[in-house]
């Protein structure tokens, strides 16, 4: 158990660098930018082409239902960061992503995110999660 959330080595890891444009007046990453970083990591975790296919062929898209962020330590211009991502299906409608931002090679999280997504159709109506996604999440990260 780390940072109050159980993470194991099978987490998906997305690595990126902090640019000057990501920082605020204090030189630290602007807090809202972590939402974009988390989204990028989730997109790589689920597979960009699969997400494109799901929308184009099946009319399925994901929207954020709930966000909970905890900021523990700042990141700065030039830092190389990793987002460690795991997921679980909370119900047939909701998938929860637990995401931790760490400096490359660090074991302590700088930012912790818990983001709940739901699926919608092209008319923005709530629909159940695709069965293939639920199976994949349960196979990769059974966090129960």
N, C-alpha and C. Protein backbone atom coordinates (compact mmCIF):
# COMPACT_ATOMS: atom_id res chain seq x y z
N UNK A 1 0.86 -1.17 0.00
CA UNK A 1 0.00 0.00 0.00
C UNK A 1 0.90 1.22 0.00
N UNK A 2 0.72 2.10 -1.00
CA UNK A 2 1.48 3.34 -1.07
C UNK A 2 0.51 4.50 -1.21
N UNK A 3 0.77 5.58 -0.49
CA UNK A 3 -0.03 6.79 -0.60
C UNK A 3 -1.50 6.53 -0.35
N UNK A 4 -1.83 5.52 0.44
CA UNK A 4 -3.21 5.24 0.75
C UNK A 4 -3.96 4.49 -0.32
N UNK A 5 -3.31 4.14 -1.42
CA UNK A 5 -3.95 3.40 -2.51
C UNK A 5 -3.04 2.24 -2.87
N UNK A 6 -3.62 1.06 -3.00
CA UNK A 6 -2.78 -0.09 -3.35
C UNK A 6 -2.42 -0.04 -4.82
N UNK A 7 -1.12 0.01 -5.09
CA UNK A 7 -0.62 -0.02 -6.46
C UNK A 7 0.38 -1.15 -6.55
N UNK A 8 0.31 -1.89 -7.61
CA UNK A 8 1.27 -2.96 -7.82
C UNK A 8 2.00 -2.70 -9.11
N UNK A 9 2.96 -3.56 -9.41
CA UNK A 9 3.84 -3.32 -10.55
C UNK A 9 3.13 -3.36 -11.90
N UNK A 10 1.89 -3.83 -11.96
CA UNK A 10 1.22 -3.93 -13.25
C UNK A 10 0.54 -2.62 -13.67
N UNK A 11 0.80 -1.54 -12.96
CA UNK A 11 0.23 -0.26 -13.36
C UNK A 11 0.80 0.16 -14.71
N UNK A 12 -0.03 0.80 -15.52
CA UNK A 12 0.43 1.37 -16.78
C UNK A 12 1.24 2.62 -16.45
N UNK A 13 2.38 2.80 -17.08
CA UNK A 13 3.24 3.95 -16.79
C UNK A 13 3.37 4.81 -18.05
N UNK A 14 3.03 6.08 -17.91
CA UNK A 14 3.14 7.06 -18.98
C UNK A 14 4.18 8.09 -18.54
N UNK A 15 5.21 8.32 -19.34
CA UNK A 15 6.30 9.23 -19.00
C UNK A 15 6.22 10.49 -19.87
N UNK A 16 6.49 11.64 -19.25
CA UNK A 16 6.46 12.91 -19.99
C UNK A 16 7.32 13.94 -19.28
N UNK A 17 7.61 15.03 -19.97
CA UNK A 17 8.42 16.12 -19.43
C UNK A 17 7.57 17.34 -19.16
N UNK A 18 7.99 18.13 -18.19
CA UNK A 18 7.32 19.38 -17.87
C UNK A 18 8.00 20.51 -18.65
N UNK A 19 7.18 21.27 -19.36
CA UNK A 19 7.66 22.40 -20.15
C UNK A 19 7.39 23.71 -19.40
N UNK A 20 8.09 24.74 -19.80
CA UNK A 20 7.92 26.05 -19.19
C UNK A 20 6.46 26.48 -19.22
N UNK A 21 5.78 26.23 -20.32
CA UNK A 21 4.38 26.64 -20.48
C UNK A 21 3.44 25.95 -19.48
N UNK A 22 3.90 24.85 -18.86
CA UNK A 22 3.08 24.12 -17.89
C UNK A 22 3.10 24.76 -16.50
N UNK A 23 4.00 25.71 -16.30
CA UNK A 23 4.21 26.25 -14.95
C UNK A 23 3.50 27.57 -14.74
N UNK A 24 3.34 27.91 -13.46
CA UNK A 24 2.71 29.18 -13.11
C UNK A 24 3.75 30.18 -12.61
N UNK A 25 3.32 31.25 -12.01
CA UNK A 25 4.21 32.31 -11.55
C UNK A 25 5.24 31.81 -10.54
N UNK A 26 4.90 30.78 -9.77
CA UNK A 26 5.82 30.26 -8.76
C UNK A 26 6.87 29.32 -9.36
N UNK A 27 6.70 28.97 -10.63
CA UNK A 27 7.62 28.03 -11.28
C UNK A 27 7.19 26.59 -11.17
N UNK A 28 6.10 26.33 -10.45
CA UNK A 28 5.57 24.98 -10.30
C UNK A 28 4.51 24.72 -11.37
N UNK A 29 4.24 23.45 -11.62
CA UNK A 29 3.18 23.09 -12.57
C UNK A 29 1.86 23.65 -12.06
N UNK A 30 1.14 24.33 -12.95
CA UNK A 30 -0.18 24.85 -12.63
C UNK A 30 -1.11 23.68 -12.32
N UNK A 31 -1.83 23.77 -11.21
CA UNK A 31 -2.58 22.63 -10.69
C UNK A 31 -3.55 21.99 -11.69
N UNK A 32 -4.22 22.78 -12.49
CA UNK A 32 -5.21 22.23 -13.44
C UNK A 32 -4.57 21.42 -14.56
N UNK A 33 -3.28 21.65 -14.82
CA UNK A 33 -2.61 20.90 -15.88
C UNK A 33 -2.55 19.41 -15.58
N UNK A 34 -2.60 19.04 -14.31
CA UNK A 34 -2.58 17.61 -13.98
C UNK A 34 -3.79 16.88 -14.55
N UNK A 35 -4.90 17.56 -14.70
CA UNK A 35 -6.08 16.92 -15.31
C UNK A 35 -5.78 16.51 -16.75
N UNK A 36 -5.09 17.38 -17.49
CA UNK A 36 -4.71 17.05 -18.87
C UNK A 36 -3.69 15.92 -18.90
N UNK A 37 -2.72 15.95 -17.97
CA UNK A 37 -1.73 14.88 -17.92
C UNK A 37 -2.40 13.54 -17.63
N UNK A 38 -3.34 13.54 -16.68
CA UNK A 38 -4.04 12.30 -16.34
C UNK A 38 -4.84 11.79 -17.54
N UNK A 39 -5.47 12.71 -18.26
CA UNK A 39 -6.24 12.28 -19.43
C UNK A 39 -5.34 11.66 -20.49
N UNK A 40 -4.19 12.29 -20.75
CA UNK A 40 -3.24 11.74 -21.71
C UNK A 40 -2.80 10.33 -21.29
N UNK A 41 -2.52 10.15 -20.02
CA UNK A 41 -2.09 8.84 -19.53
C UNK A 41 -3.20 7.81 -19.69
N UNK A 42 -4.44 8.18 -19.40
CA UNK A 42 -5.56 7.25 -19.58
C UNK A 42 -5.73 6.87 -21.04
N UNK A 43 -5.56 7.86 -21.92
CA UNK A 43 -5.70 7.59 -23.35
C UNK A 43 -4.65 6.59 -23.83
N UNK A 44 -3.42 6.74 -23.38
CA UNK A 44 -2.37 5.79 -23.75
C UNK A 44 -2.62 4.43 -23.11
N UNK A 45 -3.13 4.44 -21.90
CA UNK A 45 -3.42 3.20 -21.19
C UNK A 45 -4.50 2.38 -21.90
N UNK A 46 -5.56 3.03 -22.33
CA UNK A 46 -6.67 2.34 -23.00
C UNK A 46 -6.37 2.06 -24.47
N UNK A 47 -5.50 2.86 -25.05
CA UNK A 47 -5.15 2.70 -26.46
C UNK A 47 -5.82 3.75 -27.32
N UNK A 48 -5.03 4.62 -27.88
CA UNK A 48 -5.56 5.73 -28.68
C UNK A 48 -6.40 5.21 -29.83
N UNK A 49 -5.87 4.27 -30.58
CA UNK A 49 -6.60 3.77 -31.75
C UNK A 49 -7.90 3.07 -31.36
N UNK A 50 -7.89 2.37 -30.23
CA UNK A 50 -9.12 1.71 -29.75
C UNK A 50 -10.17 2.74 -29.36
N UNK A 51 -9.76 3.82 -28.72
CA UNK A 51 -10.71 4.87 -28.36
C UNK A 51 -11.29 5.54 -29.61
N UNK A 52 -10.45 5.77 -30.61
CA UNK A 52 -10.92 6.34 -31.87
C UNK A 52 -11.91 5.38 -32.53
N UNK A 53 -11.56 4.10 -32.57
CA UNK A 53 -12.43 3.10 -33.18
C UNK A 53 -13.77 3.02 -32.45
N UNK A 54 -13.73 3.02 -31.12
CA UNK A 54 -14.96 2.93 -30.34
C UNK A 54 -15.91 4.08 -30.67
N UNK A 55 -15.36 5.27 -30.83
CA UNK A 55 -16.23 6.40 -31.13
C UNK A 55 -16.73 6.36 -32.57
N UNK A 56 -15.83 6.13 -33.52
CA UNK A 56 -16.21 6.14 -34.92
C UNK A 56 -17.14 5.00 -35.30
N UNK A 57 -16.83 3.79 -34.83
CA UNK A 57 -17.61 2.62 -35.23
C UNK A 57 -18.78 2.33 -34.30
N UNK A 58 -18.58 2.50 -32.99
CA UNK A 58 -19.61 2.12 -32.03
C UNK A 58 -20.36 3.31 -31.43
N UNK A 59 -19.86 4.52 -31.68
CA UNK A 59 -20.52 5.71 -31.13
C UNK A 59 -20.37 5.84 -29.63
N UNK A 60 -19.30 5.27 -29.07
CA UNK A 60 -19.09 5.29 -27.62
C UNK A 60 -17.97 6.26 -27.28
N UNK A 61 -18.27 7.15 -26.34
CA UNK A 61 -17.27 8.08 -25.85
C UNK A 61 -17.25 8.07 -24.33
N UNK A 62 -16.19 8.62 -23.77
CA UNK A 62 -16.04 8.69 -22.32
C UNK A 62 -16.13 10.14 -21.86
N UNK A 63 -16.78 10.36 -20.73
CA UNK A 63 -16.83 11.68 -20.12
C UNK A 63 -16.51 11.54 -18.63
N UNK A 64 -15.94 12.59 -18.07
CA UNK A 64 -15.59 12.60 -16.66
C UNK A 64 -16.86 12.80 -15.84
N UNK A 65 -17.02 11.94 -14.84
CA UNK A 65 -18.17 12.01 -13.92
C UNK A 65 -17.74 12.64 -12.59
N UNK A 66 -16.53 12.30 -12.12
CA UNK A 66 -16.07 12.81 -10.83
C UNK A 66 -14.53 12.84 -10.82
N UNK A 67 -13.99 13.86 -10.16
CA UNK A 67 -12.54 14.00 -10.02
C UNK A 67 -12.21 14.29 -8.57
N UNK A 68 -11.19 13.61 -8.06
CA UNK A 68 -10.67 13.87 -6.72
C UNK A 68 -9.15 13.91 -6.85
N UNK A 69 -8.54 15.06 -6.55
CA UNK A 69 -7.09 15.22 -6.67
C UNK A 69 -6.49 15.61 -5.32
N UNK A 70 -5.33 15.02 -5.04
CA UNK A 70 -4.58 15.38 -3.84
C UNK A 70 -3.18 15.79 -4.29
N UNK A 71 -2.81 17.01 -3.92
CA UNK A 71 -1.50 17.54 -4.28
C UNK A 71 -0.58 17.41 -3.07
N UNK A 72 0.56 16.72 -3.27
CA UNK A 72 1.48 16.48 -2.16
C UNK A 72 2.82 17.18 -2.32
N UNK A 73 3.28 17.33 -3.55
CA UNK A 73 4.57 17.98 -3.79
C UNK A 73 4.55 18.56 -5.20
N UNK A 74 5.20 19.71 -5.39
CA UNK A 74 5.19 20.34 -6.71
C UNK A 74 6.13 19.66 -7.69
N UNK A 75 5.87 19.94 -8.96
CA UNK A 75 6.77 19.57 -10.06
C UNK A 75 7.15 20.85 -10.76
N UNK A 76 8.34 20.84 -11.41
CA UNK A 76 8.87 22.06 -11.99
C UNK A 76 9.33 21.86 -13.42
N UNK A 77 9.54 22.97 -14.11
CA UNK A 77 10.04 22.97 -15.48
C UNK A 77 11.27 22.07 -15.56
N UNK A 78 11.27 21.18 -16.54
CA UNK A 78 12.39 20.27 -16.74
C UNK A 78 12.24 18.92 -16.06
N UNK A 79 11.30 18.79 -15.13
CA UNK A 79 11.10 17.50 -14.46
C UNK A 79 10.61 16.46 -15.45
N UNK A 80 11.08 15.24 -15.30
CA UNK A 80 10.55 14.11 -16.06
C UNK A 80 9.66 13.33 -15.10
N UNK A 81 8.40 13.21 -15.47
CA UNK A 81 7.41 12.59 -14.60
C UNK A 81 6.85 11.31 -15.19
N UNK A 82 6.29 10.50 -14.31
CA UNK A 82 5.60 9.27 -14.69
C UNK A 82 4.21 9.32 -14.06
N UNK A 83 3.23 8.88 -14.83
CA UNK A 83 1.90 8.68 -14.26
C UNK A 83 1.65 7.18 -14.25
N UNK A 84 1.43 6.68 -13.04
CA UNK A 84 1.12 5.26 -12.84
C UNK A 84 -0.39 5.14 -12.75
N UNK A 85 -0.97 4.34 -13.65
CA UNK A 85 -2.42 4.25 -13.76
C UNK A 85 -2.91 2.82 -13.56
N UNK A 86 -3.96 2.71 -12.77
CA UNK A 86 -4.70 1.45 -12.63
C UNK A 86 -6.18 1.81 -12.71
N UNK A 87 -7.01 0.82 -13.01
CA UNK A 87 -8.43 1.09 -13.15
C UNK A 87 -9.25 -0.05 -12.57
N UNK A 88 -10.49 0.28 -12.26
CA UNK A 88 -11.44 -0.76 -11.86
C UNK A 88 -12.84 -0.30 -12.27
N UNK A 89 -13.68 -1.26 -12.58
CA UNK A 89 -15.07 -0.96 -12.92
C UNK A 89 -15.86 -0.96 -11.62
N UNK A 90 -16.42 0.19 -11.30
CA UNK A 90 -17.19 0.32 -10.07
C UNK A 90 -18.60 -0.22 -10.24
N UNK A 91 -19.11 -0.12 -11.44
CA UNK A 91 -20.44 -0.63 -11.76
C UNK A 91 -20.47 -0.87 -13.26
N UNK A 92 -21.61 -1.22 -13.78
CA UNK A 92 -21.69 -1.41 -15.23
C UNK A 92 -21.65 -0.09 -15.97
N UNK A 93 -21.68 1.03 -15.23
CA UNK A 93 -21.67 2.36 -15.84
C UNK A 93 -20.40 3.16 -15.56
N UNK A 94 -19.68 2.84 -14.48
CA UNK A 94 -18.56 3.68 -14.06
C UNK A 94 -17.25 2.91 -14.01
N UNK A 95 -16.19 3.59 -14.49
CA UNK A 95 -14.83 3.06 -14.38
C UNK A 95 -14.02 4.11 -13.61
N UNK A 96 -13.28 3.64 -12.61
CA UNK A 96 -12.47 4.53 -11.78
C UNK A 96 -11.01 4.31 -12.10
N UNK A 97 -10.32 5.40 -12.37
CA UNK A 97 -8.88 5.37 -12.62
C UNK A 97 -8.17 5.96 -11.41
N UNK A 98 -7.23 5.21 -10.88
CA UNK A 98 -6.36 5.72 -9.82
C UNK A 98 -5.03 6.02 -10.47
N UNK A 99 -4.62 7.29 -10.36
CA UNK A 99 -3.42 7.74 -11.06
C UNK A 99 -2.50 8.48 -10.10
N UNK A 100 -1.22 8.13 -10.17
CA UNK A 100 -0.20 8.73 -9.31
C UNK A 100 0.88 9.36 -10.17
N UNK A 101 1.18 10.64 -9.89
CA UNK A 101 2.28 11.33 -10.55
C UNK A 101 3.51 11.19 -9.67
N UNK A 102 4.58 10.73 -10.27
CA UNK A 102 5.85 10.58 -9.56
C UNK A 102 6.97 11.11 -10.44
N UNK A 103 8.02 11.59 -9.82
CA UNK A 103 9.23 11.88 -10.57
C UNK A 103 9.80 10.57 -11.08
N UNK A 104 10.47 10.62 -12.21
CA UNK A 104 11.02 9.38 -12.79
C UNK A 104 11.91 8.67 -11.76
N UNK A 105 11.57 7.42 -11.47
CA UNK A 105 12.34 6.62 -10.53
C UNK A 105 11.98 6.84 -9.07
N UNK A 106 11.08 7.77 -8.78
CA UNK A 106 10.67 8.02 -7.40
C UNK A 106 9.57 7.05 -6.98
N UNK A 107 9.47 6.80 -5.69
CA UNK A 107 8.42 5.93 -5.18
C UNK A 107 7.31 6.70 -4.49
N UNK A 108 7.52 7.99 -4.24
CA UNK A 108 6.53 8.82 -3.56
C UNK A 108 5.73 9.63 -4.58
N UNK A 109 4.43 9.63 -4.41
CA UNK A 109 3.56 10.36 -5.33
C UNK A 109 3.54 11.85 -5.03
N UNK A 110 3.62 12.63 -6.09
CA UNK A 110 3.52 14.08 -5.96
C UNK A 110 2.06 14.53 -6.05
N UNK A 111 1.31 13.86 -6.92
CA UNK A 111 -0.12 14.16 -7.09
C UNK A 111 -0.83 12.82 -7.24
N UNK A 112 -1.98 12.71 -6.59
CA UNK A 112 -2.80 11.51 -6.68
C UNK A 112 -4.15 11.90 -7.25
N UNK A 113 -4.58 11.21 -8.28
CA UNK A 113 -5.88 11.47 -8.87
C UNK A 113 -6.74 10.23 -8.86
N UNK A 114 -8.01 10.45 -8.59
CA UNK A 114 -9.01 9.39 -8.67
C UNK A 114 -10.12 9.95 -9.55
N UNK A 115 -10.17 9.44 -10.79
CA UNK A 115 -11.07 10.00 -11.79
C UNK A 115 -12.09 8.94 -12.21
N UNK A 116 -13.36 9.29 -12.13
CA UNK A 116 -14.43 8.39 -12.52
C UNK A 116 -14.96 8.82 -13.88
N UNK A 117 -14.99 7.86 -14.82
CA UNK A 117 -15.53 8.11 -16.15
C UNK A 117 -16.79 7.28 -16.36
N UNK A 118 -17.66 7.79 -17.22
CA UNK A 118 -18.81 7.04 -17.69
C UNK A 118 -18.81 7.09 -19.21
N UNK A 119 -19.56 6.19 -19.82
CA UNK A 119 -19.68 6.15 -21.28
C UNK A 119 -20.97 6.82 -21.71
N UNK A 120 -20.89 7.50 -22.84
CA UNK A 120 -22.08 8.09 -23.45
C UNK A 120 -22.09 7.73 -24.93
N UNK A 121 -23.30 7.79 -25.50
CA UNK A 121 -23.41 7.55 -26.93
C UNK A 121 -23.28 8.88 -27.66
N UNK A 122 -23.48 8.85 -28.98
CA UNK A 122 -23.33 10.08 -29.78
C UNK A 122 -24.31 11.18 -29.40
N UNK A 123 -25.43 10.78 -28.77
CA UNK A 123 -26.42 11.76 -28.31
C UNK A 123 -26.15 12.20 -26.87
N UNK A 124 -24.99 11.82 -26.34
CA UNK A 124 -24.56 12.18 -24.98
C UNK A 124 -25.44 11.56 -23.90
N UNK A 125 -26.06 10.43 -24.22
CA UNK A 125 -26.87 9.70 -23.26
C UNK A 125 -26.01 8.64 -22.59
N UNK A 126 -26.19 8.47 -21.29
CA UNK A 126 -25.44 7.49 -20.52
C UNK A 126 -25.72 6.08 -21.04
N UNK A 127 -24.63 5.31 -21.23
CA UNK A 127 -24.76 3.91 -21.65
C UNK A 127 -23.82 3.07 -20.78
N UNK A 128 -24.02 1.76 -20.80
CA UNK A 128 -23.15 0.88 -20.02
C UNK A 128 -21.76 0.83 -20.65
N UNK A 129 -20.80 0.49 -19.80
CA UNK A 129 -19.43 0.31 -20.29
C UNK A 129 -19.41 -0.86 -21.26
N UNK A 130 -18.62 -0.78 -22.32
CA UNK A 130 -18.51 -1.89 -23.25
C UNK A 130 -18.02 -3.15 -22.52
N UNK A 131 -18.65 -4.30 -22.76
CA UNK A 131 -18.22 -5.54 -22.09
C UNK A 131 -16.73 -5.85 -22.29
N UNK A 132 -16.21 -5.58 -23.48
CA UNK A 132 -14.79 -5.87 -23.73
C UNK A 132 -13.89 -5.02 -22.83
N UNK A 133 -14.28 -3.78 -22.55
CA UNK A 133 -13.51 -2.91 -21.66
C UNK A 133 -13.55 -3.45 -20.24
N UNK A 134 -14.73 -3.85 -19.79
CA UNK A 134 -14.86 -4.38 -18.44
C UNK A 134 -13.99 -5.62 -18.25
N UNK A 135 -13.99 -6.51 -19.24
CA UNK A 135 -13.17 -7.72 -19.16
C UNK A 135 -11.70 -7.37 -19.12
N UNK A 136 -11.28 -6.43 -19.97
CA UNK A 136 -9.87 -6.03 -20.02
C UNK A 136 -9.44 -5.42 -18.69
N UNK A 137 -10.25 -4.55 -18.13
CA UNK A 137 -9.92 -3.90 -16.85
C UNK A 137 -9.83 -4.94 -15.74
N UNK A 138 -10.79 -5.84 -15.68
CA UNK A 138 -10.76 -6.87 -14.65
C UNK A 138 -9.56 -7.79 -14.81
N UNK A 139 -9.20 -8.09 -16.05
CA UNK A 139 -8.05 -8.96 -16.31
C UNK A 139 -6.74 -8.27 -15.92
N UNK A 140 -6.61 -6.99 -16.26
CA UNK A 140 -5.37 -6.26 -16.01
C UNK A 140 -5.19 -5.80 -14.58
N UNK A 141 -6.28 -5.36 -13.95
CA UNK A 141 -6.14 -4.68 -12.65
C UNK A 141 -7.20 -5.05 -11.64
N UNK A 142 -7.51 -6.24 -11.45
CA UNK A 142 -8.53 -6.57 -10.46
C UNK A 142 -8.13 -5.96 -9.12
N UNK A 143 -8.72 -4.79 -8.80
CA UNK A 143 -8.37 -4.04 -7.59
C UNK A 143 -9.37 -4.27 -6.47
N UNK A 144 -10.23 -5.25 -6.60
CA UNK A 144 -11.23 -5.46 -5.56
C UNK A 144 -10.64 -6.12 -4.33
